Amino acid sequence: MPRRMRDQAFREAQWDRRYEPQVEPLNRYIDELGERDDVGHPPYIAPMYRGIDAPVLSVFRDPGPKAGGPEGSGFLCVENDDPSAERLWHFLDEAGMDHRDVVPWNAYPWYINAKPSTAQLRDGVEPLRRVIELMPRLQVVILHGNDATRGWKMFLRQHAHVVRTRGIESLGTYHTSRGALRSNHSTVEERLVESRRREDHIRTTFAAAARILHSNARAPQ
């Protein structure tokens, strides 16, 4: 079940394992990013993930308070104690995707808990390139929300060849936060319909990602 990061024993175990082989290259790089004193230390990739061996990278906007805030777990993780992570857990479960295969990342990897500026999204391009470089089995990048999509477009302007030569596919959908799933329609009925449409879009996107993984697994080597 989701939200295991609320359990101190689970958090401490993840912390003690943060340099396990499957996540060590990613988390050592995150340590490098943390040397920029003006922006703080980004959250680590939780060792529950397959890390560099994972086939999917899930890119959000920026780390939330339950990941990178003062009271956060210190990890990017679907098990964090917040509703966005819990919704992501359930969407992945519905799609039949192994949570460990979907490594989380952010268009702006440092904690700000705000909409990143254009300059900040630009600062996230090189970290994204390095993360992709460290994941040789990466097949799909899922982009959650407008800011993640903007950051990806900036990435492609400089590094489209990385995606093209490796055959990495990108899929865009909504963020799993309550705000992203809520609309500004005038009536309650319209808001409910739009919210369901956005949730269905996430489901459809995850189902498409699952098909890509299944198809690639069956393809002759």
Protein backbone atom coordinates (compact mmCIF):
# COMPACT_ATOMS: atom_id res chain seq x y z
CA MET A 1 0.00 0.00 0.00
CA PRO A 2 1.11 3.60 -0.59
CA ARG A 3 2.39 6.17 1.92
CA ARG A 4 4.89 3.86 3.61
CA MET A 5 7.27 6.83 3.98
CA ARG A 6 5.14 7.94 6.94
CA ASP A 7 6.66 4.98 8.79
CA GLN A 8 9.97 5.93 10.41
CA ALA A 9 11.44 2.43 10.12
CA PHE A 10 10.71 2.37 6.37
CA ARG A 11 12.25 5.84 5.88
CA GLU A 12 15.35 4.91 7.83
CA ALA A 13 15.76 1.70 5.82
CA GLN A 14 15.51 3.63 2.56
CA TRP A 15 18.08 6.13 3.85
CA ASP A 16 20.50 3.39 4.85
CA ARG A 17 20.15 1.82 1.38
CA ARG A 18 20.39 5.02 -0.67
CA TYR A 19 23.71 3.98 -2.23
CA GLU A 20 22.71 0.48 -3.21
CA PRO A 21 24.05 -0.46 -6.68
CA GLN A 22 20.81 0.13 -8.61
CA VAL A 23 20.47 3.73 -7.37
CA GLU A 24 24.04 4.66 -6.46
CA PRO A 25 24.93 6.34 -9.80
CA LEU A 26 21.76 8.43 -9.68
CA ASN A 27 22.11 9.37 -6.03
CA ARG A 28 25.82 10.18 -6.33
CA TYR A 29 24.87 12.56 -9.13
CA ILE A 30 22.16 14.04 -6.91
CA ASP A 31 24.89 14.63 -4.32
CA GLU A 32 26.74 16.62 -7.00
CA LEU A 33 23.62 18.70 -7.62
CA GLY A 34 23.42 19.28 -3.87
CA GLU A 35 26.78 21.02 -3.88
CA ARG A 36 25.11 24.12 -5.31
CA ASP A 37 24.66 25.91 -1.99
CA ASP A 38 22.15 28.43 -3.33
CA VAL A 39 19.49 25.83 -4.11
CA GLY A 40 19.94 23.05 -1.57
CA HIS A 41 20.13 19.27 -1.98
CA PRO A 42 17.57 17.57 -4.25
CA PRO A 43 15.73 14.56 -2.88
CA TYR A 44 17.30 11.17 -3.60
CA ILE A 45 15.79 8.40 -5.70
CA ALA A 46 14.42 5.88 -3.20
CA PRO A 47 16.25 2.53 -3.35
CA MET A 48 12.94 0.70 -3.65
CA TYR A 49 13.21 1.58 -7.36
CA ARG A 50 15.18 -0.33 -9.98
CA GLY A 51 17.05 2.91 -10.59
CA ILE A 52 19.47 2.73 -13.50
CA ASP A 53 17.82 -0.53 -14.65
CA ALA A 54 14.31 0.93 -14.79
CA PRO A 55 12.54 1.30 -18.18
CA VAL A 56 10.40 4.36 -17.30
CA LEU A 57 11.21 7.87 -16.10
CA SER A 58 8.27 9.85 -14.69
CA VAL A 59 8.95 13.60 -14.81
CA PHE A 60 6.98 16.03 -12.65
CA ARG A 61 7.44 19.77 -12.03
CA ASP A 62 9.51 20.06 -8.84
CA PRO A 63 9.82 18.07 -5.61
CA GLY A 64 6.85 18.46 -3.30
CA PRO A 65 7.01 19.25 0.44
CA LYS A 66 6.73 15.59 1.39
CA ALA A 67 9.82 14.82 -0.68
CA GLY A 68 12.14 17.82 -0.41
CA GLY A 69 10.62 20.09 2.21
CA PRO A 70 11.95 20.53 5.77
CA GLU A 71 9.61 17.76 6.94
CA GLY A 72 9.97 15.69 3.77
CA SER A 73 11.28 12.17 3.43
CA GLY A 74 14.34 13.26 1.45
CA PHE A 75 13.30 10.93 -1.37
CA LEU A 76 11.42 11.06 -4.62
CA CYS A 77 9.07 8.16 -4.06
CA VAL A 78 5.59 6.94 -4.86
CA GLU A 79 5.42 5.94 -1.19
CA ASN A 80 5.67 9.54 0.09
CA ASP A 81 2.97 10.69 2.46
CA ASP A 82 1.08 12.98 0.11
CA PRO A 83 -2.04 12.68 -2.07
CA SER A 84 -0.21 13.22 -5.38
CA ALA A 85 2.10 10.28 -4.71
CA GLU A 86 -0.81 8.14 -3.58
CA ARG A 87 -2.77 8.89 -6.76
CA LEU A 88 0.30 8.04 -8.82
CA TRP A 89 0.60 4.73 -6.93
CA HIS A 90 -3.02 3.85 -7.76
CA PHE A 91 -2.78 4.89 -11.43
CA LEU A 92 0.31 2.72 -11.89
CA ASP A 93 -1.41 -0.14 -10.11
CA GLU A 94 -4.44 0.14 -12.41
CA ALA A 95 -2.16 0.03 -15.45
CA GLY A 96 -0.46 -3.10 -14.16
CA MET A 97 2.90 -1.36 -14.04
CA ASP A 98 5.48 -2.32 -11.45
CA HIS A 99 6.06 0.77 -9.30
CA ARG A 100 9.75 -0.07 -9.08
CA ASP A 101 10.08 0.33 -12.86
CA VAL A 102 8.91 3.96 -12.90
CA VAL A 103 11.67 6.19 -11.54
CA PRO A 104 10.49 9.69 -10.51
CA TRP A 105 12.26 12.89 -11.52
CA ASN A 106 11.48 16.61 -11.80
CA ALA A 107 11.90 19.22 -14.51
CA TYR A 108 13.47 21.36 -11.78
CA PRO A 109 15.06 18.88 -9.36
CA TRP A 110 15.61 21.25 -6.41
CA TYR A 111 12.91 21.91 -3.83
CA ILE A 112 11.09 25.21 -4.35
CA ASN A 113 7.43 24.17 -3.97
CA ALA A 114 6.48 26.70 -6.66
CA LYS A 115 6.10 27.01 -10.39
CA PRO A 116 9.62 27.00 -11.90
CA SER A 117 10.69 29.99 -13.95
CA THR A 118 11.94 29.59 -17.50
CA ALA A 119 15.49 29.98 -16.20
CA GLN A 120 14.92 27.26 -13.60
CA LEU A 121 13.51 24.88 -16.19
CA ARG A 122 16.58 25.60 -18.27
CA ASP A 123 18.73 24.71 -15.26
CA GLY A 124 16.95 21.36 -15.16
CA VAL A 125 17.95 20.36 -18.69
CA GLU A 126 21.46 19.14 -17.92
CA PRO A 127 20.37 17.14 -14.85
CA LEU A 128 17.69 15.49 -16.98
CA ARG A 129 20.28 14.62 -19.62
CA ARG A 130 22.57 13.08 -17.02
CA VAL A 131 19.75 11.04 -15.48
CA ILE A 132 18.73 9.69 -18.89
CA GLU A 133 22.37 8.92 -19.64
CA LEU A 134 22.60 6.92 -16.41
CA MET A 135 19.56 4.79 -17.36
CA PRO A 136 20.65 2.57 -20.27
CA ARG A 137 17.40 0.53 -20.27
CA LEU A 138 15.13 3.58 -20.40
CA GLN A 139 12.28 3.17 -22.89
CA VAL A 140 9.59 5.70 -21.91
CA VAL A 141 9.55 9.20 -20.41
CA ILE A 142 6.18 10.25 -18.95
CA LEU A 143 5.69 14.01 -18.60
CA HIS A 144 3.25 15.15 -15.93
CA GLY A 145 1.86 18.64 -16.51
CA ASN A 146 2.74 21.75 -18.48
CA ASP A 147 6.00 22.57 -16.71
CA ALA A 148 7.39 19.08 -17.21
CA THR A 149 6.42 19.33 -20.87
CA ARG A 150 8.09 22.74 -21.19
CA GLY A 151 11.25 21.40 -19.61
CA TRP A 152 11.20 18.43 -21.99
CA LYS A 153 10.92 20.71 -25.01
CA MET A 154 13.95 22.64 -23.77
CA PHE A 155 15.76 19.34 -23.36
CA LEU A 156 14.90 18.27 -26.92
CA ARG A 157 16.23 21.51 -28.39
CA GLN A 158 19.68 20.52 -27.15
CA HIS A 159 19.57 16.75 -26.89
CA ALA A 160 16.97 15.38 -29.32
CA HIS A 161 19.61 13.02 -30.70
CA VAL A 162 19.77 11.24 -27.32
CA VAL A 163 16.09 10.34 -27.53
CA ARG A 164 16.18 9.57 -31.24
CA THR A 165 19.22 7.30 -31.27
CA ARG A 166 18.05 5.32 -28.23
CA GLY A 167 14.44 5.04 -29.37
CA ILE A 168 13.06 6.57 -26.17
CA GLU A 169 9.37 7.48 -26.40
CA SER A 170 7.75 10.36 -24.52
CA LEU A 171 4.14 10.58 -23.37
CA GLY A 172 2.48 13.66 -21.92
CA THR A 173 -0.35 13.75 -19.42
CA TYR A 174 -1.57 15.58 -16.31
CA HIS A 175 0.09 15.96 -12.93
CA THR A 176 -1.48 13.74 -10.29
CA SER A 177 -2.05 16.61 -7.83
CA ARG A 178 -5.57 17.56 -6.84
CA GLY A 179 -5.08 21.03 -8.35
CA ALA A 180 -4.08 19.62 -11.73
CA LEU A 181 -7.10 17.31 -11.79
CA ARG A 182 -9.49 20.11 -10.83
CA SER A 183 -10.97 22.43 -13.47
CA ASN A 184 -12.38 25.95 -13.37
CA HIS A 185 -15.68 25.13 -15.04
CA SER A 186 -18.68 27.05 -13.73
CA THR A 187 -20.88 24.16 -12.59
CA VAL A 188 -20.19 21.24 -10.29
CA GLU A 189 -21.25 18.78 -12.98
CA GLU A 190 -18.85 20.29 -15.52
CA ARG A 191 -16.02 20.21 -13.00
CA LEU A 192 -16.68 16.55 -12.22
CA VAL A 193 -16.77 15.64 -15.89
CA GLU A 194 -13.51 17.45 -16.58
CA SER A 195 -11.84 15.91 -13.53
CA ARG A 196 -12.82 12.43 -14.72
CA ARG A 197 -11.55 13.25 -18.21
CA ARG A 198 -8.15 14.24 -16.84
CA GLU A 199 -7.94 11.14 -14.67
CA ASP A 200 -8.85 9.01 -17.69
CA HIS A 201 -6.10 10.74 -19.66
CA ILE A 202 -3.57 9.65 -17.04
CA ARG A 203 -4.93 6.11 -17.18
CA THR A 204 -4.73 6.05 -20.97
CA THR A 205 -1.17 7.39 -20.89
CA PHE A 206 -0.03 4.77 -18.39
CA ALA A 207 -1.74 2.05 -20.39
CA ALA A 208 0.16 3.25 -23.48
CA ALA A 209 3.44 3.14 -21.53
CA ALA A 210 2.65 -0.40 -20.39
CA ARG A 211 1.99 -1.45 -24.00
CA ILE A 212 5.33 -0.02 -25.10
CA LEU A 213 7.15 -1.98 -22.41
CA HIS A 214 5.24 -5.16 -23.27
CA SER A 215 5.90 -4.73 -26.98
CA ASN A 216 9.60 -4.14 -26.47
CA ALA A 217 9.83 -7.15 -24.17
CA ARG A 218 8.38 -9.36 -26.91
CA ALA A 219 10.49 -7.90 -29.72
CA PRO A 220 13.32 -10.17 -30.97
CA GLN A 221 16.71 -9.17 -29.66
